[in-house]
Amino acid sequence: MSHHPADGLLPRASTRRSRERGAPRPVNYQPLRVTILVAAMALTGCASQTPTPEATATWPQDGPLSKAMGGILGRPDPQEMRTRSAALENEIAACMTEQGFDYIPVDYSSLFDAVDEERFVGQGTAEWAATNGYGIVLVNTQADGEPVPLHTDPNTDYAASLSKAESAAYRAALYGESKGLTEEEVESGESSYDPSTAGCSGIADEKVSGNESAFFNGPEFTVLFRAMNDIYADVKEDPRTMAADAAWADCMADEGYTDFPAPAEAADSLSSASNALFSDVGTPGDYVSPTREQLAEFREQEIALAFADFTCREQVGWQSTWNTVVFELEATFVDDHKAEIDEFVAAYHEARE
């Protein structure tokens, strides 16, 4: 399966999905419960899986930065997330019981089990795109072609049965009191997470994640994380990648696609149609799985665009140019930040002990 570039800039136990298109997601470590759910969604497509601009470029995972980080960076391991999810939910249930509420541990294992990774071998090539497009329909459907079933929370009915006051108390017990974002957080687009103020979810997070959670949410490496995120912006603005984008756009125009200045925009153009098919945008219970006819229609559109996209990438050497620039900028980054990276790696392993 291809990797998101930002996945290459995040420790294995922490990832998040960004709603912001065309910009790298900030490094902002989330509570483990959010991390697990988001990881499951990313692996199974229980949320719409239109590739983000970052995902349309296969960010090399064996570059200088990944090597310098000693294997810390990358996608979450499904088995690790599955195990931690179960432990976390059990801790939440115990805590909520102490608070006087019913809570059934949510089983997310089906989300991780829904996708066969072998179906994605070869993703990121014109050959694979000719059959699977970007993988949007593929990741949102099971092997038999039926849509991935919507995951349900067994606590929904109980929460809905509570009075308004009881519901507020329930949410406060589960997630902590909502304090809103500070002015600085609004301006920066980043927010901090303090498990000690996050109710039973935070208590469970600390028990399961321990020092690791505190480590990633601390301020010690904020500057380093932000500098890491800047690499992607620098890659996009490099004259070589800009020239590759222009050559790719000319090729796509020859194929009848004239609206896309870079590969990122091609994949992102499917966002609205994908969300309409696969996202539960109404109230709980309103979601209706797409029909086979709707899937077939979208799949035809997806494959046509993706095949043209990846064919043009291969014809103009877009990916090789991207990789060259990434490796060069990462090597420079590692040279400039060697001391901070070594300190980060050492602190990470200490937090894991």
Foldseek 3Di string as FASTA:
>chain_A
DFFFQVLQLAFQQFDDDDPDAPAFDFQAGDQSLRRLVRLLCQQQVLAQCLDGLRRLFRADCPFPQNVLLPNRGHYHDLVVSQVLLQLLLVQLQVQVVVVVDHADRFRSNCSSVQDDCVLCVPQNALVNLLPQFNVRQVSQAGPVSFGDDNGDGPCVVVLVPDDPVVNVVSQCQQFADDDDADPVCVVVVYDADDLVRTHSSSVSSCVSQPLLVVLSRDPPCSVVSRVSSCLVVVLCPDPLLQVLLCQLLVQVVVVVDNPDSGSSVLSCVCVVVSNVQNPPPDPPPPDDHDDSVSSVVSRVVSSSSRSSNNVSCVVSVNNVSSNVSSNVSSVVSCVVCVVVSVVSSVVNVVSVD
